[in-house]
Amino acid sequence: MSETKNLFSDGVQDIVVQNGVARSDLFAYSATEKTNDGKPAMDFQQRVVMPLPAFTQTFSAMERVMKELMERGVVAKADQKS
């Protein structure tokens, strides 16, 4: 049986598209490093590299899930944040 590897990320730090390839930099908040205002610093973890068709397919899937989460009231629309 093959081993499944999971990667945890606190978010996407940056996305760059060049030459038909999207590069998404993932980060995790540091347990020890702080920013100047005392918040946990973002530490680069890994880069996800996808051709544009795969990136747009991924975006569509995330958009669909976000719509479902908003309809269920799990998350609020961006313009409804307080």
C-alpha atoms as a PDB file:
ATOM      1  CA  MET A   1       0.000   0.000   0.000  1.00  0.00           C
ATOM      2  CA  SER A   2       1.325   3.450  -0.869  1.00  0.00           C
ATOM      3  CA  GLU A   3       1.914   6.012   1.848  1.00  0.00           C
ATOM      4  CA  THR A   4      -0.265   9.127   1.734  1.00  0.00           C
ATOM      5  CA  LYS A   5       1.506  12.338   2.706  1.00  0.00           C
ATOM      6  CA  ASN A   6      -0.409  15.300   4.091  1.00  0.00           C
ATOM      7  CA  LEU A   7       0.877  18.850   4.082  1.00  0.00           C
ATOM      8  CA  PHE A   8      -0.450  21.430   6.529  1.00  0.00           C
ATOM      9  CA  SER A   9      -0.482  25.087   5.550  1.00  0.00           C
ATOM     10  CA  ASP A  10      -1.893  28.150   7.285  1.00  0.00           C
ATOM     11  CA  GLY A  11      -2.437  29.722   3.877  1.00  0.00           C
ATOM     12  CA  VAL A  12      -1.094  30.933   0.572  1.00  0.00           C
ATOM     13  CA  GLN A  13       1.584  33.602   0.886  1.00  0.00           C
ATOM     14  CA  ASP A  14       1.883  34.441  -2.809  1.00  0.00           C
ATOM     15  CA  ILE A  15       0.870  33.231  -6.261  1.00  0.00           C
ATOM     16  CA  VAL A  16       2.919  33.982  -9.369  1.00  0.00           C
ATOM     17  CA  VAL A  17       1.945  33.030 -12.920  1.00  0.00           C
ATOM     18  CA  GLN A  18       4.696  32.917 -15.516  1.00  0.00           C
ATOM     19  CA  ASN A  19       5.089  31.027 -18.785  1.00  0.00           C
ATOM     20  CA  GLY A  20       1.771  29.215 -18.372  1.00  0.00           C
ATOM     21  CA  VAL A  21       2.598  27.883 -14.903  1.00  0.00           C
ATOM     22  CA  ALA A  22       1.106  28.991 -11.563  1.00  0.00           C
ATOM     23  CA  ARG A  23       3.367  28.848  -8.522  1.00  0.00           C
ATOM     24  CA  SER A  24       1.630  29.054  -5.140  1.00  0.00           C
ATOM     25  CA  ASP A  25       3.802  29.593  -2.067  1.00  0.00           C
ATOM     26  CA  LEU A  26       2.345  28.025   1.079  1.00  0.00           C
ATOM     27  CA  PHE A  27       3.193  29.235   4.579  1.00  0.00           C
ATOM     28  CA  ALA A  28       2.786  28.239   8.207  1.00  0.00           C
ATOM     29  CA  TYR A  29       2.845  30.628  11.136  1.00  0.00           C
ATOM     30  CA  SER A  30       6.055  30.391  13.114  1.00  0.00           C
ATOM     31  CA  ALA A  31       5.906  29.259  16.728  1.00  0.00           C
ATOM     32  CA  THR A  32       9.025  31.275  17.572  1.00  0.00           C
ATOM     33  CA  GLU A  33       9.481  34.111  15.043  1.00  0.00           C
ATOM     34  CA  LYS A  34       7.383  37.289  15.419  1.00  0.00           C
ATOM     35  CA  THR A  35       6.720  40.266  13.158  1.00  0.00           C
ATOM     36  CA  ASN A  36       7.429  43.833  14.324  1.00  0.00           C
ATOM     37  CA  ASP A  37       3.860  44.081  15.650  1.00  0.00           C
ATOM     38  CA  GLY A  38       4.209  40.860  17.663  1.00  0.00           C
ATOM     39  CA  LYS A  39       2.201  38.549  15.420  1.00  0.00           C
ATOM     40  CA  PRO A  40       3.552  35.143  14.371  1.00  0.00           C
ATOM     41  CA  ALA A  41       5.743  35.430  11.264  1.00  0.00           C
ATOM     42  CA  MET A  42       4.850  33.566   8.076  1.00  0.00           C
ATOM     43  CA  ASP A  43       7.385  30.855   7.256  1.00  0.00           C
ATOM     44  CA  PHE A  44       7.556  29.575   3.680  1.00  0.00           C
ATOM     45  CA  GLN A  45       6.743  25.845   3.696  1.00  0.00           C
ATOM     46  CA  GLN A  46       6.387  24.576   0.159  1.00  0.00           C
ATOM     47  CA  ARG A  47       5.580  25.661  -3.387  1.00  0.00           C
ATOM     48  CA  VAL A  48       2.760  24.099  -5.405  1.00  0.00           C
ATOM     49  CA  VAL A  49       3.476  24.347  -9.136  1.00  0.00           C
ATOM     50  CA  MET A  50       0.672  23.699 -11.656  1.00  0.00           C
ATOM     51  CA  PRO A  51       0.069  24.319 -15.335  1.00  0.00           C
ATOM     52  CA  LEU A  52      -2.662  26.934 -15.852  1.00  0.00           C
ATOM     53  CA  PRO A  53      -5.391  24.404 -16.797  1.00  0.00           C
ATOM     54  CA  ALA A  54      -4.837  22.582 -13.484  1.00  0.00           C
ATOM     55  CA  PHE A  55      -4.718  25.895 -11.572  1.00  0.00           C
ATOM     56  CA  THR A  56      -8.015  27.076 -13.069  1.00  0.00           C
ATOM     57  CA  GLN A  57      -9.605  23.683 -12.351  1.00  0.00           C
ATOM     58  CA  THR A  58      -8.414  23.938  -8.732  1.00  0.00           C
ATOM     59  CA  PHE A  59      -9.788  27.480  -8.467  1.00  0.00           C
ATOM     60  CA  SER A  60     -13.175  26.305  -9.786  1.00  0.00           C
ATOM     61  CA  ALA A  61     -13.268  23.495  -7.223  1.00  0.00           C
ATOM     62  CA  MET A  62     -12.425  25.895  -4.370  1.00  0.00           C
ATOM     63  CA  GLU A  63     -15.011  28.400  -5.618  1.00  0.00           C
ATOM     64  CA  ARG A  64     -17.665  25.648  -5.623  1.00  0.00           C
ATOM     65  CA  VAL A  65     -16.786  24.590  -2.069  1.00  0.00           C
ATOM     66  CA  MET A  66     -16.809  28.227  -0.862  1.00  0.00           C
ATOM     67  CA  LYS A  67     -20.272  28.715  -2.350  1.00  0.00           C
ATOM     68  CA  GLU A  68     -21.506  25.614  -0.516  1.00  0.00           C
ATOM     69  CA  LEU A  69     -19.942  26.793   2.761  1.00  0.00           C
ATOM     70  CA  MET A  70     -21.570  30.230   2.407  1.00  0.00           C
ATOM     71  CA  GLU A  71     -24.960  28.677   1.634  1.00  0.00           C
ATOM     72  CA  ARG A  72     -24.663  26.536   4.783  1.00  0.00           C
ATOM     73  CA  GLY A  73     -23.600  29.560   6.864  1.00  0.00           C
ATOM     74  CA  VAL A  74     -20.218  28.067   7.748  1.00  0.00           C
ATOM     75  CA  VAL A  75     -18.371  31.117   6.388  1.00  0.00           C
ATOM     76  CA  ALA A  76     -19.577  34.636   5.642  1.00  0.00           C
ATOM     77  CA  LYS A  77     -19.172  36.444   2.358  1.00  0.00           C
ATOM     78  CA  ALA A  78     -16.128  38.736   2.292  1.00  0.00           C
ATOM     79  CA  ASP A  79     -18.292  41.874   2.310  1.00  0.00           C
ATOM     80  CA  GLN A  80     -20.104  40.641   5.459  1.00  0.00           C
ATOM     81  CA  LYS A  81     -17.004  40.533   7.670  1.00  0.00           C
ATOM     82  CA  SER A  82     -17.149  42.654  10.771  1.00  0.00           C
END
